[in-house]
C-alpha cells in the first residue's frame, strides 16, 4: 500500500512540475561518467534548472494528466529531465553548451517541452541556438527604430534642401 502512495506522490509532484514548466528537456543520460553528470547538474543548478532522473511510466502518467501530447514516444530507455519554471530556453542552452564543451556524444537529447508544447530533438537544438533574450529584444527594438530613423533622415534632408535654397536666394540677392 505504501509503494502505491509513494508512486502517486511522485506522479503528483511531476504533474505539478510539468504543468508549471516554461521549458524542459528530456535526455538519455546513459554513458555519462559520474564526474560529467555532477558537472552537468552543477551547471543546470547555476542556471536555475532542476535536473532529475525520472521513471518513464510515471512521467507518461503525469504528462497525460497534464495534457502533454506526443511525449509518450520519447519515453524509452533511461530518461532524465531538466525543468525550468522561469526560462524556456535555459535547459536547452545549458545541455547543448555542455555537450559541445565536453565533446559528448553519449548525452542524447530526446525531446523538449516549451510553454506546454512538446518539441523533438531538432527543435531543442534550434531553441538552444537562439540568441539570449536581451539580444532578441535589442533586435526587435532596432527593427522598430529603423523606420523612425529613416523618416527623421528624410525630413532632415528636406529641411536641409530648404536651407540650401534659401541660402542660394540670399546669395543671389546680395550679389544683385
Protein backbone atom coordinates (compact mmCIF):
# COMPACT_ATOMS: atom_id res chain seq x y z
CA UNK A 1 0.00 0.00 0.00
CA UNK A 2 2.85 2.41 0.83
CA UNK A 3 4.50 1.83 -2.54
CA UNK A 4 1.38 2.94 -4.41
CA UNK A 5 1.01 6.10 -2.34
CA UNK A 6 4.72 6.89 -2.88
CA UNK A 7 4.27 6.48 -6.62
CA UNK A 8 1.15 8.64 -6.54
CA UNK A 9 3.10 11.33 -4.69
CA UNK A 10 5.89 11.20 -7.28
CA UNK A 11 3.36 11.40 -10.13
CA UNK A 12 1.58 14.32 -8.44
CA UNK A 13 4.87 16.20 -7.98
CA UNK A 14 5.92 15.51 -11.57
CA UNK A 15 2.49 16.56 -12.83
CA UNK A 16 2.79 19.86 -10.93
CA UNK A 17 6.27 20.50 -12.37
CA UNK A 18 5.20 19.66 -15.93
CA UNK A 19 2.18 21.95 -15.62
CA UNK A 20 4.22 24.90 -14.37
CA UNK A 21 7.32 24.47 -16.55
CA UNK A 22 8.28 27.09 -19.10
CA UNK A 23 10.87 24.80 -20.65
CA UNK A 24 12.10 21.25 -20.18
CA UNK A 25 14.48 18.87 -21.93
CA UNK A 26 14.37 15.07 -21.74
CA UNK A 27 17.71 13.32 -22.15
CA UNK A 28 19.17 9.85 -22.27
CA UNK A 29 21.99 10.10 -19.75
CA UNK A 30 23.41 6.58 -20.29
CA UNK A 31 27.19 6.70 -20.81
CA UNK A 32 27.92 9.78 -18.70
CA UNK A 33 30.59 9.37 -16.09
CA UNK A 34 29.84 10.40 -12.52
CA UNK A 35 32.13 13.43 -12.89
CA UNK A 36 30.37 14.52 -16.11
CA UNK A 37 26.94 14.05 -14.52
CA UNK A 38 27.98 16.06 -11.46
CA UNK A 39 29.35 18.83 -13.66
CA UNK A 40 26.16 18.92 -15.73
CA UNK A 41 23.98 19.06 -12.61
CA UNK A 42 26.07 21.95 -11.25
CA UNK A 43 25.74 23.94 -14.49
CA UNK A 44 21.99 23.33 -14.60
CA UNK A 45 21.59 24.34 -10.95
CA UNK A 46 23.53 27.58 -11.62
CA UNK A 47 21.05 28.36 -14.41
CA UNK A 48 18.07 27.72 -12.12
CA UNK A 49 17.17 24.43 -13.78
CA UNK A 50 16.12 21.31 -11.86
CA UNK A 51 17.57 18.06 -13.21
CA UNK A 52 16.45 14.62 -12.12
CA UNK A 53 16.14 11.06 -13.31
CA UNK A 54 12.52 10.03 -13.81
CA UNK A 55 10.72 6.77 -14.39
CA UNK A 56 9.14 6.65 -17.83
CA UNK A 57 5.82 5.21 -16.64
CA UNK A 58 5.40 7.91 -14.01
CA UNK A 59 6.36 10.63 -16.48
CA UNK A 60 3.92 9.19 -19.00
CA UNK A 61 1.08 9.23 -16.43
CA UNK A 62 1.89 12.79 -15.31
CA UNK A 63 2.20 14.04 -18.91
CA UNK A 64 -1.15 12.50 -19.86
CA UNK A 65 -2.84 14.04 -16.82
CA UNK A 66 -1.40 17.47 -17.69
CA UNK A 67 -2.40 17.07 -21.35
CA UNK A 68 1.07 16.96 -22.93
CA UNK A 69 0.54 15.06 -26.16
CA UNK A 70 3.36 13.46 -28.10
CA UNK A 71 5.69 12.89 -25.14
CA UNK A 72 4.97 9.15 -24.91
CA UNK A 73 7.05 8.25 -27.96
CA UNK A 74 10.16 9.80 -26.38
CA UNK A 75 9.85 7.91 -23.09
CA UNK A 76 12.05 4.92 -23.94
CA UNK A 77 15.20 3.88 -22.10
CA UNK A 78 16.80 5.81 -19.25
CA UNK A 79 15.35 9.29 -19.01
CA UNK A 80 16.39 12.40 -17.12
CA UNK A 81 14.50 15.67 -17.28
CA UNK A 82 15.79 19.22 -16.90
CA UNK A 83 12.98 21.60 -15.91
CA UNK A 84 12.94 25.39 -15.70
CA UNK A 85 9.89 27.24 -14.37
CA UNK A 86 11.26 30.65 -15.35
CA UNK A 87 13.23 30.42 -18.62
CA UNK A 88 12.01 28.25 -21.53
CA UNK A 89 15.42 28.30 -23.22
CA UNK A 90 17.73 27.66 -20.23
CA UNK A 91 17.58 23.82 -20.13
CA UNK A 92 18.21 23.51 -23.88
CA UNK A 93 21.06 26.05 -23.83
CA UNK A 94 22.87 24.57 -20.82
CA UNK A 95 22.64 20.99 -22.09
CA UNK A 96 23.66 21.97 -25.62
CA UNK A 97 26.64 24.00 -24.37
CA UNK A 98 27.64 21.15 -22.05
CA UNK A 99 27.59 18.64 -24.92
CA UNK A 100 29.70 20.98 -27.11
CA UNK A 101 32.17 21.87 -24.36
CA UNK A 102 32.77 18.25 -23.39
CA UNK A 103 32.55 16.87 -26.95
CA UNK A 104 30.00 14.31 -25.78
CA UNK A 105 28.02 12.03 -27.99
CA UNK A 106 26.64 9.96 -25.12
CA UNK A 107 24.22 12.58 -23.75
CA UNK A 108 21.32 12.24 -26.17
CA UNK A 109 18.54 14.83 -26.23
CA UNK A 110 15.23 13.01 -26.65
CA UNK A 111 12.68 15.82 -26.68
CA UNK A 112 11.72 19.08 -25.08
CA UNK A 113 8.75 20.98 -23.73
CA UNK A 114 8.28 24.69 -24.37
CA UNK A 115 5.28 26.52 -22.94
CA UNK A 116 3.23 23.31 -22.81
CA UNK A 117 4.15 22.07 -26.31
CA UNK A 118 6.31 19.01 -27.00
CA UNK A 119 9.18 19.53 -29.44
CA UNK A 120 11.59 16.97 -30.90
CA UNK A 121 15.39 16.87 -30.54
CA UNK A 122 15.86 19.13 -33.59
CA UNK A 123 13.51 21.67 -32.02
CA UNK A 124 15.58 21.59 -28.83
CA UNK A 125 18.75 22.23 -30.87
CA UNK A 126 17.07 25.14 -32.66
CA UNK A 127 15.90 26.52 -29.31
CA UNK A 128 19.43 26.29 -27.91
CA UNK A 129 20.76 28.18 -30.94
CA UNK A 130 18.56 31.20 -30.24
CA UNK A 131 20.40 34.30 -29.08
CA UNK A 132 19.84 35.40 -25.47
CA UNK A 133 16.61 37.19 -24.59
CA UNK A 134 18.33 40.59 -24.29
CA UNK A 135 19.77 40.28 -27.81
CA UNK A 136 16.36 39.36 -29.24
CA UNK A 137 14.76 42.37 -27.53
CA UNK A 138 17.53 44.63 -28.89
CA UNK A 139 16.96 43.24 -32.41
CA UNK A 140 13.21 43.88 -32.19
CA UNK A 141 13.77 47.42 -30.91
CA UNK A 142 16.31 48.09 -33.67
CA UNK A 143 13.75 46.87 -36.21
CA UNK A 144 11.11 49.16 -34.74
CA UNK A 145 13.51 52.10 -34.57
CA UNK A 146 14.79 51.74 -38.13
CA UNK A 147 11.74 53.24 -39.93
CA UNK A 148 11.69 56.16 -37.48
CA UNK A 149 15.38 56.90 -38.11
CA UNK A 150 14.70 56.75 -41.86
CA UNK A 151 11.81 59.20 -41.52
CA UNK A 152 13.96 61.59 -39.49
CA UNK A 153 16.69 61.44 -42.15
CA UNK A 154 14.17 62.14 -44.92
CA UNK A 155 12.69 65.08 -43.00
CA UNK A 156 16.16 66.43 -42.23
CA UNK A 157 17.03 66.13 -45.91
CA UNK A 158 14.01 68.23 -46.89
CA UNK A 159 14.83 70.88 -44.31
CA UNK A 160 18.48 70.84 -45.38
CA UNK A 161 17.46 71.37 -49.04
CA UNK A 162 15.17 74.24 -47.99
CA UNK A 163 18.07 75.86 -46.12
CA UNK A 164 20.33 75.45 -49.18
CA UNK A 165 17.67 77.01 -51.41
CA UNK A 166 17.15 79.94 -49.02
CA UNK A 167 20.90 80.43 -48.79
CA UNK A 168 21.18 80.44 -52.59
CA UNK A 169 18.37 83.04 -52.78
CA UNK A 170 20.16 85.17 -50.14
CA UNK A 171 23.46 84.98 -52.04
CA UNK A 172 21.68 85.88 -55.29
CA UNK A 173 20.02 88.92 -53.73
CA UNK A 174 23.29 90.05 -52.15
CA UNK A 175 25.14 89.88 -55.47
CA UNK A 176 22.37 91.77 -57.30
